[in-house]
Amino acid sequence: MDKTGLLGEWVHAHERDVGGAKVFVDADEPLPPSRGRQRLRFLSDGTFEEGMPGADDRSVQASGTYRLNGTRLVLQRDGQTQPVEYEAARVGGKSLHLTKV
């Protein structure tokens, strides 16, 4: 996977998760209603923005930096000491499968 294929906004389509992978789709793709969905936005400068449902269903925001190491996507959230690492694959052009390593 290259950085260009990662850029843009992705929404977690949890109803499509498969084999331990979280499936994210392009933010423009219509999805059924949900109480909350994780969103990831990857920018060309190596930063990302994240939104996710919080404990009381209000959105919680985070940001940080990302890097690609082969097929590994490494997210370093601001304020956290340990990065989160995923095995990443683009599937069918409009979906991103992330499996936590």
N, C-alpha and C. Protein backbone atom coordinates (compact mmCIF):
# COMPACT_ATOMS: atom_id res chain seq x y z
N MET A 1 0.84 -1.17 0.00
CA MET A 1 0.00 0.00 0.00
C MET A 1 0.89 1.23 0.00
N ASP A 2 0.48 2.24 -0.75
CA ASP A 2 1.23 3.49 -0.73
C ASP A 2 0.41 4.58 -0.06
N LYS A 3 1.09 5.65 0.29
CA LYS A 3 0.46 6.74 1.03
C LYS A 3 -0.71 7.36 0.26
N THR A 4 -0.58 7.47 -1.05
CA THR A 4 -1.64 8.06 -1.86
C THR A 4 -2.95 7.30 -1.72
N GLY A 5 -2.88 5.97 -1.66
CA GLY A 5 -4.08 5.16 -1.52
C GLY A 5 -4.74 5.27 -0.17
N LEU A 6 -4.03 5.83 0.79
CA LEU A 6 -4.54 5.96 2.15
C LEU A 6 -5.21 7.32 2.39
N LEU A 7 -4.80 8.32 1.63
CA LEU A 7 -5.28 9.68 1.86
C LEU A 7 -6.78 9.81 1.74
N GLY A 8 -7.36 10.67 2.56
CA GLY A 8 -8.79 10.92 2.53
C GLY A 8 -9.45 10.50 3.83
N GLU A 9 -10.77 10.48 3.80
CA GLU A 9 -11.54 10.15 5.00
C GLU A 9 -12.19 8.79 4.87
N TRP A 10 -12.06 7.99 5.93
CA TRP A 10 -12.55 6.62 5.99
C TRP A 10 -13.49 6.47 7.19
N VAL A 11 -14.54 5.67 7.01
CA VAL A 11 -15.53 5.43 8.06
C VAL A 11 -15.60 3.93 8.33
N HIS A 12 -15.59 3.57 9.62
CA HIS A 12 -15.66 2.16 10.00
C HIS A 12 -17.05 1.61 9.71
N ALA A 13 -17.11 0.64 8.82
CA ALA A 13 -18.36 -0.05 8.49
C ALA A 13 -18.35 -1.37 9.26
N HIS A 14 -18.63 -1.31 10.56
CA HIS A 14 -18.48 -2.48 11.44
C HIS A 14 -19.29 -3.67 10.98
N GLU A 15 -20.38 -3.43 10.26
CA GLU A 15 -21.19 -4.55 9.77
C GLU A 15 -20.48 -5.32 8.65
N ARG A 16 -19.37 -4.78 8.14
CA ARG A 16 -18.60 -5.46 7.09
C ARG A 16 -17.29 -6.06 7.61
N ASP A 17 -17.02 -5.92 8.91
CA ASP A 17 -15.78 -6.48 9.47
C ASP A 17 -15.70 -7.96 9.14
N VAL A 18 -14.46 -8.40 8.86
CA VAL A 18 -14.27 -9.80 8.46
C VAL A 18 -12.92 -10.29 8.95
N GLY A 19 -12.90 -11.51 9.49
CA GLY A 19 -11.67 -12.17 9.87
C GLY A 19 -10.78 -11.38 10.81
N GLY A 20 -11.35 -10.67 11.75
CA GLY A 20 -10.56 -9.88 12.69
C GLY A 20 -10.13 -8.52 12.18
N ALA A 21 -10.46 -8.21 10.93
CA ALA A 21 -10.10 -6.91 10.35
C ALA A 21 -11.26 -5.93 10.49
N LYS A 22 -10.92 -4.68 10.86
CA LYS A 22 -11.89 -3.61 10.80
C LYS A 22 -11.96 -3.13 9.36
N VAL A 23 -13.16 -3.00 8.83
CA VAL A 23 -13.33 -2.56 7.45
C VAL A 23 -13.79 -1.10 7.46
N PHE A 24 -13.01 -0.28 6.79
CA PHE A 24 -13.33 1.13 6.63
C PHE A 24 -13.66 1.37 5.16
N VAL A 25 -14.64 2.25 4.92
CA VAL A 25 -15.03 2.58 3.55
C VAL A 25 -14.87 4.08 3.35
N ASP A 26 -14.81 4.47 2.09
CA ASP A 26 -14.74 5.88 1.75
C ASP A 26 -15.89 6.62 2.43
N ALA A 27 -15.61 7.79 2.97
CA ALA A 27 -16.62 8.55 3.74
C ALA A 27 -17.83 8.92 2.91
N ASP A 28 -17.71 8.92 1.59
CA ASP A 28 -18.85 9.26 0.73
C ASP A 28 -19.79 8.08 0.49
N GLU A 29 -19.38 6.89 0.90
CA GLU A 29 -20.23 5.72 0.68
C GLU A 29 -21.37 5.70 1.68
N PRO A 30 -22.61 5.51 1.21
CA PRO A 30 -23.74 5.47 2.14
C PRO A 30 -23.69 4.23 3.02
N LEU A 31 -23.97 4.43 4.31
CA LEU A 31 -24.01 3.34 5.28
C LEU A 31 -25.32 3.41 6.06
N PRO A 32 -25.77 2.28 6.59
CA PRO A 32 -26.99 2.31 7.39
C PRO A 32 -26.77 3.09 8.69
N PRO A 33 -27.85 3.54 9.31
CA PRO A 33 -27.72 4.27 10.58
C PRO A 33 -26.96 3.44 11.62
N SER A 34 -26.24 4.15 12.48
CA SER A 34 -25.46 3.50 13.53
C SER A 34 -25.37 4.47 14.70
N ARG A 35 -25.21 3.95 15.91
CA ARG A 35 -25.07 4.81 17.09
C ARG A 35 -23.78 5.61 17.06
N GLY A 36 -22.84 5.20 16.28
CA GLY A 36 -21.58 5.90 16.17
C GLY A 36 -20.59 5.10 15.36
N ARG A 37 -19.77 5.79 14.61
CA ARG A 37 -18.78 5.11 13.77
C ARG A 37 -17.44 5.81 13.92
N GLN A 38 -16.39 5.02 13.97
CA GLN A 38 -15.05 5.57 13.98
C GLN A 38 -14.75 6.15 12.61
N ARG A 39 -14.10 7.31 12.60
CA ARG A 39 -13.71 7.97 11.36
C ARG A 39 -12.21 8.25 11.41
N LEU A 40 -11.54 8.01 10.31
CA LEU A 40 -10.12 8.32 10.19
C LEU A 40 -9.92 9.19 8.95
N ARG A 41 -9.18 10.26 9.12
CA ARG A 41 -8.86 11.14 7.99
C ARG A 41 -7.35 11.25 7.91
N PHE A 42 -6.78 10.78 6.80
CA PHE A 42 -5.34 10.81 6.59
C PHE A 42 -4.98 11.96 5.68
N LEU A 43 -4.07 12.81 6.14
CA LEU A 43 -3.64 13.99 5.39
C LEU A 43 -2.27 13.75 4.78
N SER A 44 -1.97 14.47 3.71
CA SER A 44 -0.72 14.26 2.97
C SER A 44 0.52 14.65 3.76
N ASP A 45 0.36 15.44 4.83
CA ASP A 45 1.52 15.87 5.62
C ASP A 45 1.93 14.85 6.68
N GLY A 46 1.30 13.65 6.68
CA GLY A 46 1.66 12.61 7.64
C GLY A 46 0.90 12.68 8.95
N THR A 47 -0.13 13.51 9.01
CA THR A 47 -0.97 13.58 10.21
C THR A 47 -2.32 12.92 9.93
N PHE A 48 -3.00 12.57 11.01
CA PHE A 48 -4.34 12.02 10.87
C PHE A 48 -5.24 12.64 11.94
N GLU A 49 -6.52 12.60 11.66
CA GLU A 49 -7.56 13.04 12.59
C GLU A 49 -8.50 11.85 12.77
N GLU A 50 -8.97 11.68 13.99
CA GLU A 50 -9.82 10.54 14.31
C GLU A 50 -11.02 11.00 15.11
N GLY A 51 -12.16 10.46 14.80
CA GLY A 51 -13.37 10.66 15.58
C GLY A 51 -13.95 9.30 15.91
N MET A 52 -14.42 9.15 17.13
CA MET A 52 -15.00 7.86 17.54
C MET A 52 -16.07 8.11 18.59
N PRO A 53 -17.01 7.18 18.71
CA PRO A 53 -18.03 7.34 19.75
C PRO A 53 -17.41 7.21 21.13
N GLY A 54 -17.80 8.11 22.01
CA GLY A 54 -17.33 8.06 23.39
C GLY A 54 -18.26 7.24 24.26
N ALA A 55 -17.95 7.18 25.53
CA ALA A 55 -18.72 6.38 26.48
C ALA A 55 -20.18 6.80 26.55
N ASP A 56 -20.44 8.09 26.34
CA ASP A 56 -21.83 8.58 26.41
C ASP A 56 -22.39 8.89 25.02
N ASP A 57 -21.81 8.27 23.98
CA ASP A 57 -22.22 8.39 22.58
C ASP A 57 -21.85 9.73 21.93
N ARG A 58 -21.28 10.65 22.70
CA ARG A 58 -20.77 11.87 22.07
C ARG A 58 -19.43 11.55 21.42
N SER A 59 -19.15 12.22 20.33
CA SER A 59 -17.93 11.96 19.60
C SER A 59 -16.69 12.41 20.38
N VAL A 60 -15.65 11.60 20.33
CA VAL A 60 -14.37 11.90 20.95
C VAL A 60 -13.37 12.09 19.80
N GLN A 61 -12.59 13.15 19.86
CA GLN A 61 -11.64 13.46 18.80
C GLN A 61 -10.21 13.15 19.23
N ALA A 62 -9.40 12.72 18.30
CA ALA A 62 -7.97 12.50 18.53
C ALA A 62 -7.24 12.87 17.25
N SER A 63 -5.94 13.05 17.38
CA SER A 63 -5.12 13.33 16.21
C SER A 63 -3.72 12.82 16.49
N GLY A 64 -2.90 12.84 15.48
CA GLY A 64 -1.54 12.37 15.63
C GLY A 64 -0.86 12.27 14.29
N THR A 65 0.14 11.41 14.24
CA THR A 65 0.89 11.20 13.00
C THR A 65 0.77 9.73 12.60
N TYR A 66 1.00 9.49 11.33
CA TYR A 66 0.97 8.11 10.84
C TYR A 66 2.16 7.90 9.91
N ARG A 67 2.51 6.63 9.77
CA ARG A 67 3.52 6.27 8.78
C ARG A 67 3.20 4.87 8.26
N LEU A 68 3.62 4.62 7.05
CA LEU A 68 3.49 3.31 6.45
C LEU A 68 4.86 2.66 6.43
N ASN A 69 4.89 1.40 6.84
CA ASN A 69 6.11 0.61 6.84
C ASN A 69 5.77 -0.67 6.09
N GLY A 70 5.90 -0.64 4.78
CA GLY A 70 5.43 -1.76 3.95
C GLY A 70 3.91 -1.81 4.00
N THR A 71 3.38 -2.92 4.48
CA THR A 71 1.92 -3.04 4.62
C THR A 71 1.45 -2.69 6.03
N ARG A 72 2.35 -2.21 6.86
CA ARG A 72 2.01 -1.84 8.23
C ARG A 72 1.69 -0.35 8.30
N LEU A 73 0.58 -0.04 8.95
CA LEU A 73 0.18 1.33 9.22
C LEU A 73 0.40 1.58 10.70
N VAL A 74 1.20 2.58 11.02
CA VAL A 74 1.52 2.88 12.41
C VAL A 74 0.91 4.24 12.76
N LEU A 75 0.02 4.24 13.75
CA LEU A 75 -0.63 5.47 14.22
C LEU A 75 -0.04 5.87 15.56
N GLN A 76 0.45 7.08 15.64
CA GLN A 76 0.96 7.63 16.90
C GLN A 76 0.02 8.75 17.32
N ARG A 77 -0.88 8.44 18.25
CA ARG A 77 -1.84 9.44 18.72
C ARG A 77 -1.15 10.44 19.63
N ASP A 78 -1.49 11.71 19.49
CA ASP A 78 -0.94 12.75 20.36
C ASP A 78 -1.23 12.40 21.81
N GLY A 79 -0.23 12.54 22.68
CA GLY A 79 -0.41 12.30 24.10
C GLY A 79 -0.29 10.85 24.52
N GLN A 80 -0.08 9.93 23.59
CA GLN A 80 0.10 8.53 23.94
C GLN A 80 1.55 8.12 23.65
N THR A 81 2.10 7.30 24.52
CA THR A 81 3.51 6.94 24.36
C THR A 81 3.71 5.78 23.39
N GLN A 82 2.75 4.88 23.29
CA GLN A 82 2.89 3.71 22.42
C GLN A 82 2.06 3.88 21.15
N PRO A 83 2.67 3.65 20.00
CA PRO A 83 1.89 3.70 18.76
C PRO A 83 0.99 2.47 18.64
N VAL A 84 0.00 2.55 17.77
CA VAL A 84 -0.87 1.42 17.45
C VAL A 84 -0.51 1.00 16.03
N GLU A 85 -0.32 -0.29 15.85
CA GLU A 85 0.13 -0.78 14.55
C GLU A 85 -0.91 -1.72 13.96
N TYR A 86 -1.17 -1.54 12.67
CA TYR A 86 -2.13 -2.36 11.94
C TYR A 86 -1.48 -2.94 10.70
N GLU A 87 -1.92 -4.11 10.31
CA GLU A 87 -1.65 -4.64 8.98
C GLU A 87 -2.74 -4.02 8.10
N ALA A 88 -2.36 -3.35 7.04
CA ALA A 88 -3.32 -2.59 6.24
C ALA A 88 -3.38 -3.10 4.81
N ALA A 89 -4.59 -3.17 4.27
CA ALA A 89 -4.77 -3.59 2.88
C ALA A 89 -5.93 -2.81 2.27
N ARG A 90 -5.73 -2.33 1.06
CA ARG A 90 -6.82 -1.74 0.29
C ARG A 90 -7.50 -2.89 -0.44
N VAL A 91 -8.80 -2.93 -0.37
CA VAL A 91 -9.55 -4.01 -1.02
C VAL A 91 -10.61 -3.40 -1.90
N GLY A 92 -10.65 -3.78 -3.14
CA GLY A 92 -11.69 -3.32 -4.06
C GLY A 92 -11.71 -1.82 -4.30
N GLY A 93 -10.62 -1.13 -4.04
CA GLY A 93 -10.52 0.28 -4.35
C GLY A 93 -11.16 1.22 -3.36
N LYS A 94 -12.28 0.81 -2.73
CA LYS A 94 -12.98 1.73 -1.84
C LYS A 94 -13.09 1.23 -0.41
N SER A 95 -12.34 0.21 -0.06
CA SER A 95 -12.36 -0.21 1.34
C SER A 95 -10.94 -0.42 1.83
N LEU A 96 -10.78 -0.21 3.12
CA LEU A 96 -9.50 -0.34 3.80
C LEU A 96 -9.68 -1.31 4.94
N HIS A 97 -8.90 -2.38 4.95
CA HIS A 97 -8.98 -3.39 6.01
C HIS A 97 -7.79 -3.20 6.95
N LEU A 98 -8.08 -2.99 8.23
CA LEU A 98 -7.04 -2.80 9.25
C LEU A 98 -7.14 -3.90 10.29
N THR A 99 -6.07 -4.65 10.43
CA THR A 99 -5.99 -5.71 11.43
C THR A 99 -4.93 -5.33 12.43
N LYS A 100 -5.30 -5.19 13.70
CA LYS A 100 -4.36 -4.79 14.74
C LYS A 100 -3.28 -5.84 14.90
N VAL A 101 -2.04 -5.38 14.95
CA VAL A 101 -0.89 -6.29 15.09
C VAL A 101 -0.59 -6.49 16.57
